[in-house]
């Protein structure tokens, strides 16, 4: 029997929160994926989370992620890049990740598509949306979203899967719900032209219940799994 660890206990608590929230809005918990955001966490913590059943891990910093990937090659992990991607680092992301959640410019998408190795399946991407039109946030504005989605969907080595958003940190729960509801509506409007788009990457440790209520399919959780970052 595998011994319990603080990380394993946290994961069990998070899964219970997900089940309860899903049941409260008549959703199947199986349709909600748990993405452990492991930035600043050591490879050993990722191993522990993997032993507790987590296979999807999100990283914000490219060099840090590549170092951990090298240490964890023996594990069947799915790597998601969730941070801002500079143009001079797209090749490493295209070669080493399964997902990129933070595409908000066509230039970045073109580079990722051109640099994705042929031996790998197309890179799954989400478009990051600045859903609140907040000048301090990255992401495409809603008005420019349809054109960007059309262009990305046409790129040969990318698979456009959905949308991602990060609400303002100071938003109260009603405003967060409104933000997530707008993102869900944006996805619904795009699905008529791009039916393969099935992903809403939204919701973090403090607001996962709100995100689930508005249709989140990928929850990006760090603190709730690994504890406060040092």
Protein backbone atom coordinates (compact mmCIF):
# COMPACT_ATOMS: atom_id res chain seq x y z
CA UNK A 1 0.00 0.00 0.00
CA UNK A 2 1.35 3.44 -0.93
CA UNK A 3 2.02 5.63 2.10
CA UNK A 4 0.09 8.89 2.29
CA UNK A 5 2.05 12.11 1.80
CA UNK A 6 0.95 15.74 2.16
CA UNK A 7 0.79 16.03 -1.63
CA UNK A 8 -1.25 12.84 -1.96
CA UNK A 9 -3.60 14.04 0.78
CA UNK A 10 -3.99 17.40 -0.98
CA UNK A 11 -4.80 15.65 -4.25
CA UNK A 12 -7.45 13.54 -2.53
CA UNK A 13 -9.00 16.70 -1.07
CA UNK A 14 -8.96 18.43 -4.46
CA UNK A 15 -10.61 15.47 -6.14
CA UNK A 16 -13.32 15.53 -3.48
CA UNK A 17 -13.89 19.25 -4.14
CA UNK A 18 -14.14 18.57 -7.86
CA UNK A 19 -16.66 15.74 -7.35
CA UNK A 20 -18.80 17.84 -5.04
CA UNK A 21 -18.74 20.87 -7.34
CA UNK A 22 -19.51 18.76 -10.41
CA UNK A 23 -22.42 17.06 -8.71
CA UNK A 24 -23.77 20.44 -7.64
CA UNK A 25 -24.10 21.55 -11.26
CA UNK A 26 -25.05 18.12 -12.68
CA UNK A 27 -21.74 17.55 -14.44
CA UNK A 28 -19.74 14.34 -14.78
CA UNK A 29 -16.45 14.74 -12.83
CA UNK A 30 -14.77 12.54 -15.46
CA UNK A 31 -15.07 15.43 -17.90
CA UNK A 32 -12.87 17.67 -15.73
CA UNK A 33 -9.09 17.24 -15.93
CA UNK A 34 -6.75 18.17 -13.11
CA UNK A 35 -3.61 19.99 -14.26
CA UNK A 36 -1.00 20.27 -11.52
CA UNK A 37 0.89 23.54 -11.95
CA UNK A 38 4.35 22.56 -10.80
CA UNK A 39 6.34 25.75 -11.38
CA UNK A 40 9.09 26.20 -8.73
CA UNK A 41 8.40 22.67 -7.47
CA UNK A 42 11.25 20.13 -7.52
CA UNK A 43 11.14 17.01 -9.65
CA UNK A 44 10.65 14.95 -6.48
CA UNK A 45 7.32 16.69 -5.81
CA UNK A 46 6.17 15.88 -9.34
CA UNK A 47 7.10 12.23 -8.79
CA UNK A 48 5.02 12.20 -5.64
CA UNK A 49 2.04 13.73 -7.41
CA UNK A 50 2.41 11.24 -10.25
CA UNK A 51 2.40 8.36 -7.75
CA UNK A 52 -0.92 9.77 -6.48
CA UNK A 53 -2.43 9.58 -9.96
CA UNK A 54 -1.61 12.92 -11.61
CA UNK A 55 -0.26 12.77 -15.17
CA UNK A 56 -0.82 16.36 -16.40
CA UNK A 57 1.68 18.98 -15.23
CA UNK A 58 1.83 22.66 -16.09
CA UNK A 59 4.96 24.80 -16.16
CA UNK A 60 5.42 28.57 -16.53
CA UNK A 61 9.18 28.87 -16.94
CA UNK A 62 10.70 27.12 -19.92
CA UNK A 63 14.25 26.43 -18.75
CA UNK A 64 13.06 25.17 -15.37
CA UNK A 65 10.57 22.91 -17.11
CA UNK A 66 13.14 21.44 -19.49
CA UNK A 67 15.42 20.55 -16.59
CA UNK A 68 12.61 18.75 -14.79
CA UNK A 69 11.52 16.96 -17.93
CA UNK A 70 15.03 15.58 -18.29
CA UNK A 71 14.91 14.24 -14.73
CA UNK A 72 11.47 12.67 -15.20
CA UNK A 73 11.76 11.01 -18.60
CA UNK A 74 10.96 7.63 -17.05
CA UNK A 75 7.42 8.78 -16.15
CA UNK A 76 4.47 8.87 -18.60
CA UNK A 77 3.69 12.55 -18.07
CA UNK A 78 1.78 15.03 -20.23
CA UNK A 79 3.43 18.46 -20.17
CA UNK A 80 1.48 21.71 -20.52
CA UNK A 81 3.09 25.12 -20.95
CA UNK A 82 0.89 27.70 -19.21
CA UNK A 83 3.16 30.76 -19.02
CA UNK A 84 3.91 33.57 -21.43
CA UNK A 85 5.99 32.35 -24.35
CA UNK A 86 8.67 34.59 -25.82
CA UNK A 87 9.31 34.28 -29.54
CA UNK A 88 12.88 33.08 -29.06
CA UNK A 89 11.65 30.13 -26.95
CA UNK A 90 8.92 28.73 -29.15
CA UNK A 91 11.16 26.00 -30.60
CA UNK A 92 11.83 24.44 -27.20
CA UNK A 93 8.13 24.59 -26.35
CA UNK A 94 7.15 23.04 -29.70
CA UNK A 95 9.66 20.24 -29.24
CA UNK A 96 9.11 19.42 -25.56
CA UNK A 97 5.45 20.05 -24.62
CA UNK A 98 2.15 18.37 -25.41
CA UNK A 99 0.02 21.48 -24.83
CA UNK A 100 0.51 25.26 -24.88
CA UNK A 101 -2.31 27.15 -23.13
CA UNK A 102 -1.10 30.71 -23.62
CA UNK A 103 -1.13 31.42 -27.37
CA UNK A 104 -2.40 34.97 -27.94
CA UNK A 105 -0.65 36.06 -31.14
CA UNK A 106 -0.62 34.63 -34.63
CA UNK A 107 3.16 35.09 -34.83
CA UNK A 108 3.62 32.74 -31.87
CA UNK A 109 1.24 30.20 -33.39
CA UNK A 110 3.09 30.26 -36.73
CA UNK A 111 6.40 29.63 -35.01
CA UNK A 112 5.01 26.77 -32.93
CA UNK A 113 3.52 25.12 -36.01
CA UNK A 114 6.70 25.48 -38.08
CA UNK A 115 8.88 24.16 -35.24
CA UNK A 116 6.74 21.21 -34.14
CA UNK A 117 8.70 18.04 -35.02
CA UNK A 118 7.08 15.78 -37.61
CA UNK A 119 7.67 12.75 -35.41
CA UNK A 120 5.25 14.17 -32.83
CA UNK A 121 1.51 14.60 -33.02
CA UNK A 122 0.26 18.15 -33.64
CA UNK A 123 0.73 20.44 -30.66
CA UNK A 124 -2.51 21.04 -28.74
CA UNK A 125 -3.04 24.74 -28.10
CA UNK A 126 -5.47 27.02 -26.32
CA UNK A 127 -5.91 30.70 -27.10
CA UNK A 128 -5.43 32.91 -24.06
CA UNK A 129 -8.24 35.45 -23.89
CA UNK A 130 -8.03 38.73 -22.01
CA UNK A 131 -11.63 38.29 -21.01
CA UNK A 132 -11.73 41.41 -18.79
CA UNK A 133 -9.85 43.66 -21.25
CA UNK A 134 -7.40 44.25 -18.38
CA UNK A 135 -4.30 46.11 -19.52
CA UNK A 136 -2.19 44.22 -16.97
CA UNK A 137 -3.15 40.82 -18.46
CA UNK A 138 -1.95 39.00 -21.52
CA UNK A 139 -4.38 37.57 -24.03
CA UNK A 140 -6.35 38.45 -27.12
CA UNK A 141 -9.44 40.62 -26.77
CA UNK A 142 -12.81 39.06 -27.50
CA UNK A 143 -13.30 41.19 -30.59
CA UNK A 144 -10.15 39.77 -32.19
CA UNK A 145 -10.73 36.18 -31.05
CA UNK A 146 -12.70 34.78 -34.04
CA UNK A 147 -10.10 35.88 -36.62
CA UNK A 148 -7.23 34.52 -34.53
CA UNK A 149 -9.02 31.21 -34.02
CA UNK A 150 -9.63 30.87 -37.77
CA UNK A 151 -5.95 31.49 -38.53
CA UNK A 152 -4.62 29.12 -35.88
CA UNK A 153 -7.01 26.34 -36.89
CA UNK A 154 -5.53 26.44 -40.39
CA UNK A 155 -1.95 25.81 -39.24
CA UNK A 156 -0.83 22.26 -40.08
CA UNK A 157 1.14 21.29 -36.96
CA UNK A 158 -1.23 22.71 -34.34
CA UNK A 159 -4.52 21.40 -33.00
CA UNK A 160 -6.69 24.21 -31.71
CA UNK A 161 -8.42 22.76 -28.66
CA UNK A 162 -9.95 25.64 -26.74
CA UNK A 163 -9.65 28.82 -24.72
CA UNK A 164 -7.81 29.84 -21.57
CA UNK A 165 -8.30 32.81 -19.26
CA UNK A 166 -7.03 34.13 -15.94
CA UNK A 167 -9.41 36.41 -14.01
CA UNK A 168 -8.18 39.46 -12.15
CA UNK A 169 -6.68 38.45 -8.81
CA UNK A 170 -8.87 40.94 -6.94
CA UNK A 171 -12.14 39.87 -8.55
CA UNK A 172 -14.89 38.84 -6.17
CA UNK A 173 -16.68 35.54 -6.76
CA UNK A 174 -19.59 37.04 -8.77
CA UNK A 175 -17.15 38.81 -11.11
CA UNK A 176 -15.10 35.63 -11.53
CA UNK A 177 -18.28 33.75 -12.45
CA UNK A 178 -19.15 36.43 -15.01
CA UNK A 179 -15.63 36.21 -16.47
CA UNK A 180 -15.81 32.43 -16.82
CA UNK A 181 -19.33 32.59 -18.26
CA UNK A 182 -18.11 34.98 -20.97
CA UNK A 183 -15.30 32.59 -21.86
CA UNK A 184 -17.73 29.70 -22.10
CA UNK A 185 -19.98 31.72 -24.39
CA UNK A 186 -17.01 32.62 -26.56
CA UNK A 187 -16.16 28.92 -26.95
CA UNK A 188 -19.74 28.06 -27.85
CA UNK A 189 -19.74 30.70 -30.58
CA UNK A 190 -16.47 29.34 -32.04
CA UNK A 191 -17.55 25.71 -32.01
CA UNK A 192 -19.86 26.18 -34.99
CA UNK A 193 -16.78 26.74 -37.17
CA UNK A 194 -14.28 24.75 -35.11
CA UNK A 195 -16.07 21.75 -33.57
CA UNK A 196 -12.78 20.26 -32.36
CA UNK A 197 -12.58 23.02 -29.74
CA UNK A 198 -13.66 21.22 -26.57
CA UNK A 199 -11.49 22.78 -23.85
CA UNK A 200 -11.98 25.54 -21.30
CA UNK A 201 -8.75 25.95 -19.35
CA UNK A 202 -9.88 28.02 -16.39
CA UNK A 203 -10.07 27.78 -12.64
CA UNK A 204 -7.32 27.73 -10.03
CA UNK A 205 -6.96 26.63 -6.44
CA UNK A 206 -9.18 29.32 -4.91
CA UNK A 207 -11.98 29.36 -7.46
CA UNK A 208 -12.23 25.87 -8.93
CA UNK A 209 -15.88 25.50 -7.86
CA UNK A 210 -16.84 28.67 -9.73
CA UNK A 211 -14.96 27.50 -12.82
CA UNK A 212 -16.59 24.08 -12.77
CA UNK A 213 -19.99 25.71 -12.53
CA UNK A 214 -19.24 27.62 -15.73
CA UNK A 215 -17.96 24.63 -17.70
CA UNK A 216 -14.21 24.34 -17.03
CA UNK A 217 -12.68 21.19 -18.50
CA UNK A 218 -9.10 21.77 -17.29
CA UNK A 219 -8.39 23.16 -13.83
CA UNK A 220 -4.90 24.63 -13.33
CA UNK A 221 -4.09 24.01 -9.66
CA UNK A 222 -0.82 24.66 -7.88
CA UNK A 223 -1.19 25.70 -4.25
CA UNK A 224 -4.04 23.28 -3.58
CA UNK A 225 -1.78 20.39 -4.57
CA UNK A 226 1.76 21.39 -3.62
CA UNK A 227 1.09 23.93 -0.88
CA UNK A 228 2.25 27.56 -0.86
CA UNK A 229 5.22 28.28 -3.13
CA UNK A 230 8.42 29.07 -1.29
